[in-house]
Amino acid sequence: MTADQPDTDERTTIRPGRNFEREYRLDASDAGEFLIALGKQLRDGDELTISDDEWTLPFAFGEPIELEIDFDGVDEPELEIELELPGRTDDSAPRIE
């Protein structure tokens, strides 16, 4: 642990049963780094962890993942990219007897 990385025990862990939302305004480089790290977690497993200095959010995701691309080219052009990850369920299929 370094001075700029707090002890993870000091962070609030966001658990199921709680609503949580944060919004960040980043430069393109920081947003790109975030998306690369997120993409690696999505590619390499079925769980991801997002955190900042105050909180950590572990999430076990399922499939299919929904990707939405929305372009508004009127007036001030805007591109919105939304990724929706469903929570993973531990349900199994019923048996046929």
N, C-alpha and C. Protein backbone atom coordinates (compact mmCIF):
# COMPACT_ATOMS: atom_id res chain seq x y z
N MET A 1 0.85 -1.18 0.00
CA MET A 1 0.00 0.00 0.00
C MET A 1 0.89 1.23 0.00
N THR A 2 0.59 2.20 -0.87
CA THR A 2 1.34 3.44 -0.93
C THR A 2 0.51 4.57 -0.34
N ALA A 3 1.13 5.73 -0.19
CA ALA A 3 0.44 6.87 0.42
C ALA A 3 -0.78 7.31 -0.40
N ASP A 4 -0.72 7.14 -1.73
CA ASP A 4 -1.85 7.57 -2.55
C ASP A 4 -2.89 6.47 -2.75
N GLN A 5 -2.67 5.29 -2.19
CA GLN A 5 -3.63 4.21 -2.26
C GLN A 5 -4.08 3.85 -0.84
N PRO A 6 -5.32 4.16 -0.49
CA PRO A 6 -5.77 3.89 0.87
C PRO A 6 -5.93 2.39 1.10
N ASP A 7 -5.88 2.01 2.35
CA ASP A 7 -6.15 0.64 2.75
C ASP A 7 -7.57 0.29 2.31
N THR A 8 -7.76 -0.81 1.59
CA THR A 8 -9.08 -1.17 1.08
C THR A 8 -10.08 -1.37 2.22
N ASP A 9 -9.61 -1.66 3.43
CA ASP A 9 -10.52 -1.83 4.56
C ASP A 9 -11.18 -0.51 4.95
N GLU A 10 -10.61 0.62 4.54
CA GLU A 10 -11.18 1.92 4.86
C GLU A 10 -12.26 2.33 3.87
N ARG A 11 -12.40 1.59 2.76
CA ARG A 11 -13.40 1.91 1.75
C ARG A 11 -14.74 1.27 2.11
N THR A 12 -15.81 1.93 1.71
CA THR A 12 -17.14 1.36 1.86
C THR A 12 -17.36 0.37 0.73
N THR A 13 -17.78 -0.84 1.06
CA THR A 13 -18.09 -1.83 0.04
C THR A 13 -19.56 -1.74 -0.30
N ILE A 14 -19.86 -1.56 -1.59
CA ILE A 14 -21.23 -1.46 -2.06
C ILE A 14 -21.76 -2.88 -2.25
N ARG A 15 -22.81 -3.22 -1.53
CA ARG A 15 -23.35 -4.58 -1.52
C ARG A 15 -24.72 -4.64 -2.18
N PRO A 16 -25.17 -5.84 -2.59
CA PRO A 16 -26.53 -5.99 -3.11
C PRO A 16 -27.55 -5.49 -2.09
N GLY A 17 -28.67 -4.99 -2.58
CA GLY A 17 -29.70 -4.45 -1.71
C GLY A 17 -29.55 -2.95 -1.47
N ARG A 18 -28.58 -2.36 -2.12
CA ARG A 18 -28.32 -0.93 -1.95
C ARG A 18 -28.25 -0.28 -3.32
N ASN A 19 -28.80 0.93 -3.46
CA ASN A 19 -28.66 1.71 -4.69
C ASN A 19 -27.43 2.59 -4.56
N PHE A 20 -26.70 2.73 -5.65
CA PHE A 20 -25.47 3.50 -5.64
C PHE A 20 -25.29 4.13 -7.00
N GLU A 21 -24.91 5.40 -7.03
CA GLU A 21 -24.66 6.09 -8.29
C GLU A 21 -23.62 7.18 -8.08
N ARG A 22 -22.65 7.26 -8.97
CA ARG A 22 -21.66 8.33 -8.98
C ARG A 22 -21.47 8.76 -10.42
N GLU A 23 -21.22 10.04 -10.63
CA GLU A 23 -20.95 10.55 -11.96
C GLU A 23 -19.60 11.25 -11.93
N TYR A 24 -18.81 11.03 -12.97
CA TYR A 24 -17.48 11.62 -13.06
C TYR A 24 -17.36 12.37 -14.38
N ARG A 25 -16.64 13.46 -14.38
CA ARG A 25 -16.31 14.21 -15.60
C ARG A 25 -14.81 14.04 -15.79
N LEU A 26 -14.42 13.32 -16.84
CA LEU A 26 -13.04 12.95 -17.06
C LEU A 26 -12.54 13.49 -18.39
N ASP A 27 -11.22 13.60 -18.53
CA ASP A 27 -10.69 13.88 -19.86
C ASP A 27 -10.68 12.56 -20.64
N ALA A 28 -10.52 12.65 -21.95
CA ALA A 28 -10.62 11.46 -22.81
C ALA A 28 -9.59 10.39 -22.44
N SER A 29 -8.40 10.79 -22.06
CA SER A 29 -7.35 9.83 -21.70
C SER A 29 -7.74 9.00 -20.48
N ASP A 30 -8.24 9.67 -19.42
CA ASP A 30 -8.66 8.95 -18.21
C ASP A 30 -9.85 8.05 -18.49
N ALA A 31 -10.80 8.53 -19.28
CA ALA A 31 -11.97 7.71 -19.64
C ALA A 31 -11.51 6.49 -20.43
N GLY A 32 -10.57 6.67 -21.35
CA GLY A 32 -10.05 5.55 -22.13
C GLY A 32 -9.37 4.51 -21.25
N GLU A 33 -8.56 4.96 -20.30
CA GLU A 33 -7.90 4.03 -19.38
C GLU A 33 -8.92 3.24 -18.57
N PHE A 34 -9.97 3.92 -18.11
CA PHE A 34 -11.03 3.25 -17.36
C PHE A 34 -11.70 2.18 -18.22
N LEU A 35 -12.03 2.54 -19.46
CA LEU A 35 -12.71 1.60 -20.35
C LEU A 35 -11.83 0.40 -20.70
N ILE A 36 -10.53 0.63 -20.87
CA ILE A 36 -9.61 -0.48 -21.13
C ILE A 36 -9.58 -1.44 -19.95
N ALA A 37 -9.45 -0.90 -18.73
CA ALA A 37 -9.41 -1.74 -17.53
C ALA A 37 -10.73 -2.50 -17.37
N LEU A 38 -11.86 -1.82 -17.62
CA LEU A 38 -13.17 -2.47 -17.54
C LEU A 38 -13.27 -3.58 -18.58
N GLY A 39 -12.83 -3.30 -19.80
CA GLY A 39 -12.87 -4.29 -20.87
C GLY A 39 -12.05 -5.52 -20.54
N LYS A 40 -10.90 -5.34 -19.93
CA LYS A 40 -10.07 -6.49 -19.54
C LYS A 40 -10.77 -7.35 -18.50
N GLN A 41 -11.44 -6.72 -17.54
CA GLN A 41 -12.17 -7.50 -16.53
C GLN A 41 -13.33 -8.26 -17.17
N LEU A 42 -14.04 -7.62 -18.11
CA LEU A 42 -15.14 -8.28 -18.80
C LEU A 42 -14.63 -9.46 -19.64
N ARG A 43 -13.52 -9.26 -20.32
CA ARG A 43 -12.97 -10.29 -21.18
C ARG A 43 -12.44 -11.48 -20.38
N ASP A 44 -11.84 -11.24 -19.23
CA ASP A 44 -11.10 -12.26 -18.52
C ASP A 44 -11.88 -13.02 -17.45
N GLY A 45 -13.10 -12.60 -17.14
CA GLY A 45 -13.80 -13.30 -16.06
C GLY A 45 -15.27 -13.01 -16.07
N ASP A 46 -15.92 -13.35 -14.98
CA ASP A 46 -17.34 -13.09 -14.85
C ASP A 46 -17.64 -12.26 -13.61
N GLU A 47 -16.60 -11.60 -13.10
CA GLU A 47 -16.74 -10.66 -11.99
C GLU A 47 -15.87 -9.44 -12.29
N LEU A 48 -16.31 -8.30 -11.81
CA LEU A 48 -15.49 -7.10 -11.93
C LEU A 48 -15.58 -6.32 -10.64
N THR A 49 -14.59 -5.46 -10.44
CA THR A 49 -14.57 -4.60 -9.26
C THR A 49 -14.23 -3.19 -9.72
N ILE A 50 -15.09 -2.25 -9.35
CA ILE A 50 -14.87 -0.84 -9.64
C ILE A 50 -14.70 -0.14 -8.29
N SER A 51 -13.73 0.78 -8.20
CA SER A 51 -13.52 1.44 -6.91
C SER A 51 -12.90 2.81 -7.11
N ASP A 52 -13.02 3.62 -6.07
CA ASP A 52 -12.27 4.86 -5.98
C ASP A 52 -11.72 4.94 -4.55
N ASP A 53 -11.29 6.10 -4.13
CA ASP A 53 -10.66 6.21 -2.81
C ASP A 53 -11.63 5.94 -1.65
N GLU A 54 -12.94 6.12 -1.88
CA GLU A 54 -13.91 6.02 -0.80
C GLU A 54 -14.75 4.74 -0.82
N TRP A 55 -14.87 4.08 -1.97
CA TRP A 55 -15.77 2.93 -2.07
C TRP A 55 -15.21 1.90 -3.04
N THR A 56 -15.74 0.68 -2.92
CA THR A 56 -15.43 -0.41 -3.85
C THR A 56 -16.72 -1.15 -4.16
N LEU A 57 -16.89 -1.51 -5.42
CA LEU A 57 -18.12 -2.16 -5.85
C LEU A 57 -17.76 -3.45 -6.60
N PRO A 58 -17.82 -4.59 -5.90
CA PRO A 58 -17.61 -5.88 -6.57
C PRO A 58 -18.92 -6.30 -7.23
N PHE A 59 -18.85 -6.88 -8.44
CA PHE A 59 -20.07 -7.25 -9.14
C PHE A 59 -19.85 -8.51 -9.96
N ALA A 60 -20.63 -9.54 -9.68
CA ALA A 60 -20.62 -10.78 -10.46
C ALA A 60 -21.68 -10.63 -11.54
N PHE A 61 -21.24 -10.60 -12.80
CA PHE A 61 -22.19 -10.32 -13.88
C PHE A 61 -22.53 -11.58 -14.66
N GLY A 62 -23.70 -11.53 -15.29
CA GLY A 62 -24.17 -12.62 -16.14
C GLY A 62 -24.21 -12.17 -17.59
N GLU A 63 -24.91 -12.92 -18.38
CA GLU A 63 -25.04 -12.60 -19.80
C GLU A 63 -26.49 -12.77 -20.21
N PRO A 64 -26.96 -12.16 -21.26
CA PRO A 64 -26.19 -11.34 -22.19
C PRO A 64 -26.00 -9.92 -21.66
N ILE A 65 -24.94 -9.31 -22.10
CA ILE A 65 -24.64 -7.92 -21.77
C ILE A 65 -25.26 -7.05 -22.86
N GLU A 66 -25.95 -6.00 -22.44
CA GLU A 66 -26.61 -5.11 -23.40
C GLU A 66 -25.73 -3.90 -23.68
N LEU A 67 -25.49 -3.63 -24.95
CA LEU A 67 -24.71 -2.49 -25.38
C LEU A 67 -25.61 -1.59 -26.22
N GLU A 68 -25.71 -0.32 -25.83
CA GLU A 68 -26.55 0.63 -26.55
C GLU A 68 -25.69 1.80 -27.01
N ILE A 69 -25.82 2.16 -28.28
CA ILE A 69 -25.11 3.30 -28.84
C ILE A 69 -26.16 4.29 -29.31
N ASP A 70 -26.09 5.52 -28.80
CA ASP A 70 -27.08 6.55 -29.10
C ASP A 70 -26.34 7.80 -29.58
N PHE A 71 -26.57 8.20 -30.83
CA PHE A 71 -25.95 9.39 -31.39
C PHE A 71 -27.01 10.44 -31.65
N ASP A 72 -26.83 11.63 -31.09
CA ASP A 72 -27.71 12.77 -31.32
C ASP A 72 -26.90 13.80 -32.09
N GLY A 73 -27.16 13.92 -33.38
CA GLY A 73 -26.38 14.81 -34.23
C GLY A 73 -26.99 16.18 -34.43
N VAL A 74 -28.06 16.49 -33.71
CA VAL A 74 -28.74 17.77 -33.85
C VAL A 74 -28.14 18.77 -32.86
N ASP A 75 -27.99 20.02 -33.29
CA ASP A 75 -27.42 21.11 -32.47
C ASP A 75 -26.00 20.73 -32.02
N GLU A 76 -25.84 20.45 -30.74
CA GLU A 76 -24.53 20.06 -30.23
C GLU A 76 -24.45 18.53 -30.26
N PRO A 77 -23.70 17.95 -31.22
CA PRO A 77 -23.64 16.49 -31.34
C PRO A 77 -23.18 15.82 -30.05
N GLU A 78 -23.80 14.67 -29.77
CA GLU A 78 -23.47 13.92 -28.56
C GLU A 78 -23.57 12.44 -28.85
N LEU A 79 -22.62 11.69 -28.35
CA LEU A 79 -22.59 10.24 -28.48
C LEU A 79 -22.68 9.64 -27.08
N GLU A 80 -23.65 8.77 -26.89
CA GLU A 80 -23.81 8.09 -25.60
C GLU A 80 -23.62 6.60 -25.82
N ILE A 81 -22.75 6.00 -25.01
CA ILE A 81 -22.51 4.56 -25.06
C ILE A 81 -22.87 4.01 -23.69
N GLU A 82 -23.80 3.09 -23.66
CA GLU A 82 -24.28 2.53 -22.40
C GLU A 82 -24.08 1.03 -22.41
N LEU A 83 -23.54 0.52 -21.33
CA LEU A 83 -23.31 -0.91 -21.15
C LEU A 83 -24.12 -1.34 -19.95
N GLU A 84 -24.98 -2.31 -20.13
CA GLU A 84 -25.81 -2.80 -19.02
C GLU A 84 -25.46 -4.26 -18.76
N LEU A 85 -24.98 -4.51 -17.53
CA LEU A 85 -24.57 -5.85 -17.14
C LEU A 85 -25.60 -6.44 -16.19
N PRO A 86 -26.20 -7.56 -16.53
CA PRO A 86 -27.12 -8.18 -15.59
C PRO A 86 -26.33 -8.87 -14.49
N GLY A 87 -26.92 -8.94 -13.31
CA GLY A 87 -26.28 -9.68 -12.23
C GLY A 87 -26.30 -11.17 -12.54
N ARG A 88 -25.28 -11.87 -12.08
CA ARG A 88 -25.20 -13.31 -12.29
C ARG A 88 -26.13 -14.00 -11.29
N THR A 89 -26.81 -14.98 -11.79
CA THR A 89 -27.69 -15.76 -10.91
C THR A 89 -27.08 -17.12 -10.66
N ASP A 90 -27.32 -17.65 -9.51
CA ASP A 90 -26.84 -18.99 -9.18
C ASP A 90 -27.91 -20.03 -9.43
N ASP A 91 -29.01 -19.62 -10.08
CA ASP A 91 -30.08 -20.57 -10.40
C ASP A 91 -29.58 -21.64 -11.36
N SER A 92 -30.09 -22.84 -11.18
CA SER A 92 -29.79 -23.90 -12.13
C SER A 92 -31.10 -24.34 -12.76
N ALA A 93 -31.01 -25.00 -13.89
CA ALA A 93 -32.19 -25.48 -14.57
C ALA A 93 -32.87 -26.59 -13.77
N PRO A 94 -34.18 -26.71 -13.88
CA PRO A 94 -34.86 -27.80 -13.17
C PRO A 94 -34.48 -29.14 -13.81
N ARG A 95 -34.66 -30.23 -13.06
CA ARG A 95 -34.35 -31.57 -13.55
C ARG A 95 -35.57 -32.16 -14.25
N ILE A 96 -35.32 -33.00 -15.21
CA ILE A 96 -36.37 -33.79 -15.85
C ILE A 96 -36.28 -35.18 -15.28
N GLU A 97 -37.36 -35.67 -14.70
CA GLU A 97 -37.36 -37.00 -14.08
C GLU A 97 -38.38 -37.90 -14.73
